[in-house]
């Protein structure tokens, strides 16, 4: 007899990651899961509490703002030490050695993650007006790390003029 349908562990990890994110966000925000998922897992609409002396009933007004979230779940995260230098504004000055400010280097802890470049291309096409965050969730510890992918593309990947964008995946660093 053939085996029955199987649910891969990666699906369970992904579902748990989404549950953890939902449990940490303000309850008045509306969180919509996007199915099918083409690089955007969640659409989050922001609301704020509103009431007045004339109307003491508590309501929540939409701010008209949305966040788009790509969720990646994992059992264990990979951390590394990362050396950073202060530098001039990457939007004005190219990232070359003479534009680094002569201060001490800082070593910070980061979470490293390999993301598909096709996902980064989708974010880049959306533009800066559509904030896209990457949430990396370590389900064993319930820790969530995040970075704004729009900014990461513009201020790190493009600013570094890396040729890695032509590869299938790109390693990014999320500050702890």
Protein backbone atom coordinates (compact mmCIF):
# COMPACT_ATOMS: atom_id res chain seq x y z
CA UNK A 1 0.00 0.00 0.00
CA UNK A 2 1.22 3.51 -0.76
CA UNK A 3 2.10 5.95 1.95
CA UNK A 4 -0.38 8.63 2.91
CA UNK A 5 0.19 12.34 2.30
CA UNK A 6 2.99 13.84 4.36
CA UNK A 7 3.44 17.20 5.97
CA UNK A 8 7.10 18.25 5.94
CA UNK A 9 8.65 19.56 9.13
CA UNK A 10 9.43 22.84 7.32
CA UNK A 11 5.67 23.53 7.08
CA UNK A 12 5.25 23.00 10.83
CA UNK A 13 8.21 25.28 11.57
CA UNK A 14 6.76 27.94 9.24
CA UNK A 15 3.33 27.76 10.87
CA UNK A 16 4.88 28.03 14.33
CA UNK A 17 6.93 31.05 13.22
CA UNK A 18 3.78 32.86 12.02
CA UNK A 19 2.01 32.06 15.31
CA UNK A 20 4.92 33.52 17.31
CA UNK A 21 4.91 36.71 15.25
CA UNK A 22 1.14 37.11 15.65
CA UNK A 23 1.46 36.66 19.43
CA UNK A 24 4.02 39.48 19.68
CA UNK A 25 2.32 42.17 17.62
CA UNK A 26 -0.27 44.59 19.03
CA UNK A 27 -3.70 42.98 19.14
CA UNK A 28 -5.34 45.96 17.40
CA UNK A 29 -3.26 45.44 14.25
CA UNK A 30 -4.92 43.42 11.51
CA UNK A 31 -2.74 40.58 10.27
CA UNK A 32 -3.63 38.94 6.99
CA UNK A 33 -1.90 35.80 5.79
CA UNK A 34 -1.35 35.84 2.05
CA UNK A 35 -2.04 32.54 0.35
CA UNK A 36 -0.57 31.58 -2.01
CA UNK A 37 2.74 32.99 -0.82
CA UNK A 38 4.93 34.59 -3.48
CA UNK A 39 7.52 36.09 -1.14
CA UNK A 40 5.06 37.93 1.11
CA UNK A 41 3.61 35.93 3.98
CA UNK A 42 1.81 38.63 5.97
CA UNK A 43 0.13 41.95 5.26
CA UNK A 44 -0.15 43.91 8.49
CA UNK A 45 -2.46 46.92 8.68
CA UNK A 46 -1.67 49.31 11.51
CA UNK A 47 -4.39 50.67 13.79
CA UNK A 48 -4.25 52.98 16.80
CA UNK A 49 -6.56 53.39 19.76
CA UNK A 50 -8.98 56.31 19.57
CA UNK A 51 -11.51 57.68 22.00
CA UNK A 52 -12.66 61.13 23.05
CA UNK A 53 -14.45 62.79 25.93
CA UNK A 54 -17.61 63.01 23.82
CA UNK A 55 -17.43 59.33 22.91
CA UNK A 56 -15.77 57.20 25.59
CA UNK A 57 -16.23 54.02 23.56
CA UNK A 58 -12.82 52.71 22.56
CA UNK A 59 -12.31 52.25 18.85
CA UNK A 60 -9.27 51.64 16.72
CA UNK A 61 -8.62 53.78 13.67
CA UNK A 62 -6.59 52.58 10.73
CA UNK A 63 -3.44 54.57 10.10
CA UNK A 64 -3.64 53.69 6.42
CA UNK A 65 -0.23 52.04 6.75
CA UNK A 66 0.72 48.50 5.83
CA UNK A 67 3.79 46.38 6.48
CA UNK A 68 4.59 43.38 4.36
CA UNK A 69 6.40 40.54 6.07
CA UNK A 70 8.42 37.63 4.75
CA UNK A 71 8.59 34.99 7.52
CA UNK A 72 11.40 32.48 7.77
CA UNK A 73 11.30 29.95 10.56
CA UNK A 74 14.17 27.82 11.79
CA UNK A 75 14.96 25.61 14.75
CA UNK A 76 18.40 27.09 15.39
CA UNK A 77 19.84 30.38 14.16
CA UNK A 78 23.43 30.88 13.08
CA UNK A 79 25.25 33.76 14.72
CA UNK A 80 28.55 35.35 13.81
CA UNK A 81 30.69 38.27 14.83
CA UNK A 82 30.57 41.05 12.26
CA UNK A 83 32.97 43.98 12.03
CA UNK A 84 31.43 47.32 11.12
CA UNK A 85 33.01 50.69 10.48
CA UNK A 86 31.34 54.05 10.51
CA UNK A 87 31.03 55.49 7.03
CA UNK A 88 29.64 58.44 5.18
CA UNK A 89 26.07 58.35 3.88
CA UNK A 90 25.87 55.48 1.39
CA UNK A 91 23.17 57.30 -0.59
CA UNK A 92 25.57 60.16 -1.29
CA UNK A 93 29.02 58.57 -1.29
CA UNK A 94 30.05 55.29 -2.90
CA UNK A 95 31.31 52.59 -0.57
CA UNK A 96 35.05 52.95 -1.07
CA UNK A 97 37.80 53.00 1.53
CA UNK A 98 38.31 56.78 1.68
CA UNK A 99 34.65 57.28 2.65
CA UNK A 100 34.99 55.23 5.82
CA UNK A 101 35.40 57.47 8.83
CA UNK A 102 38.58 56.86 10.78
CA UNK A 103 37.06 55.56 14.01
CA UNK A 104 37.46 52.31 15.82
CA UNK A 105 35.78 49.34 14.30
CA UNK A 106 32.88 47.82 16.17
CA UNK A 107 32.25 44.12 16.42
CA UNK A 108 28.59 43.18 16.68
CA UNK A 109 26.71 39.91 16.91
CA UNK A 110 24.56 39.13 13.91
CA UNK A 111 22.27 36.38 12.72
CA UNK A 112 23.23 35.21 9.26
CA UNK A 113 20.65 33.96 6.83
CA UNK A 114 20.75 32.91 3.19
CA UNK A 115 17.87 34.49 1.29
CA UNK A 116 16.91 33.78 -2.30
CA UNK A 117 17.86 36.64 -4.60
CA UNK A 118 14.51 36.25 -6.37
CA UNK A 119 12.87 37.41 -3.11
CA UNK A 120 15.19 40.42 -2.99
CA UNK A 121 14.32 41.23 -6.62
CA UNK A 122 10.62 41.22 -5.71
CA UNK A 123 11.24 43.62 -2.82
CA UNK A 124 13.31 45.91 -5.03
CA UNK A 125 10.52 46.03 -7.62
CA UNK A 126 8.01 46.98 -4.92
CA UNK A 127 10.07 50.07 -4.10
CA UNK A 128 10.70 51.94 -0.88
CA UNK A 129 7.06 53.01 -0.45
CA UNK A 130 6.06 49.42 0.37
CA UNK A 131 7.98 48.43 3.52
CA UNK A 132 8.98 44.78 3.42
CA UNK A 133 10.43 43.24 6.56
CA UNK A 134 12.13 39.90 6.92
CA UNK A 135 11.26 38.19 10.21
CA UNK A 136 13.61 35.34 11.07
CA UNK A 137 12.08 33.25 13.85
CA UNK A 138 14.00 30.76 15.97
CA UNK A 139 11.11 28.60 17.13
CA UNK A 140 13.04 26.69 19.81
CA UNK A 141 13.74 29.89 21.78
CA UNK A 142 10.83 32.02 20.44
CA UNK A 143 13.30 34.72 19.40
CA UNK A 144 12.43 36.92 16.44
CA UNK A 145 14.99 38.91 14.45
CA UNK A 146 14.04 41.33 11.73
CA UNK A 147 15.42 43.69 9.15
CA UNK A 148 13.83 46.03 6.62
CA UNK A 149 14.69 44.42 3.30
CA UNK A 150 14.08 47.65 1.34
CA UNK A 151 16.80 49.41 3.34
CA UNK A 152 19.09 46.39 3.34
CA UNK A 153 18.98 46.22 -0.45
CA UNK A 154 19.61 49.95 -0.93
CA UNK A 155 22.09 50.61 1.86
CA UNK A 156 24.01 47.35 2.06
CA UNK A 157 23.71 45.23 -1.06
CA UNK A 158 23.59 47.92 -3.76
CA UNK A 159 25.90 50.26 -1.83
CA UNK A 160 28.53 47.51 -1.66
CA UNK A 161 28.19 47.03 -5.42
CA UNK A 162 28.35 43.28 -4.90
CA UNK A 163 28.15 40.84 -7.77
CA UNK A 164 26.51 38.29 -5.46
CA UNK A 165 23.07 39.51 -6.54
CA UNK A 166 23.44 37.25 -9.60
CA UNK A 167 23.66 34.13 -7.43
CA UNK A 168 20.68 32.01 -6.33
CA UNK A 169 21.02 33.03 -2.67
CA UNK A 170 22.67 35.86 -0.81
CA UNK A 171 23.87 35.80 2.80
CA UNK A 172 22.50 38.70 4.82
CA UNK A 173 23.25 39.73 8.39
CA UNK A 174 20.53 40.73 10.87
CA UNK A 175 21.87 42.62 13.91
CA UNK A 176 21.04 40.98 17.21
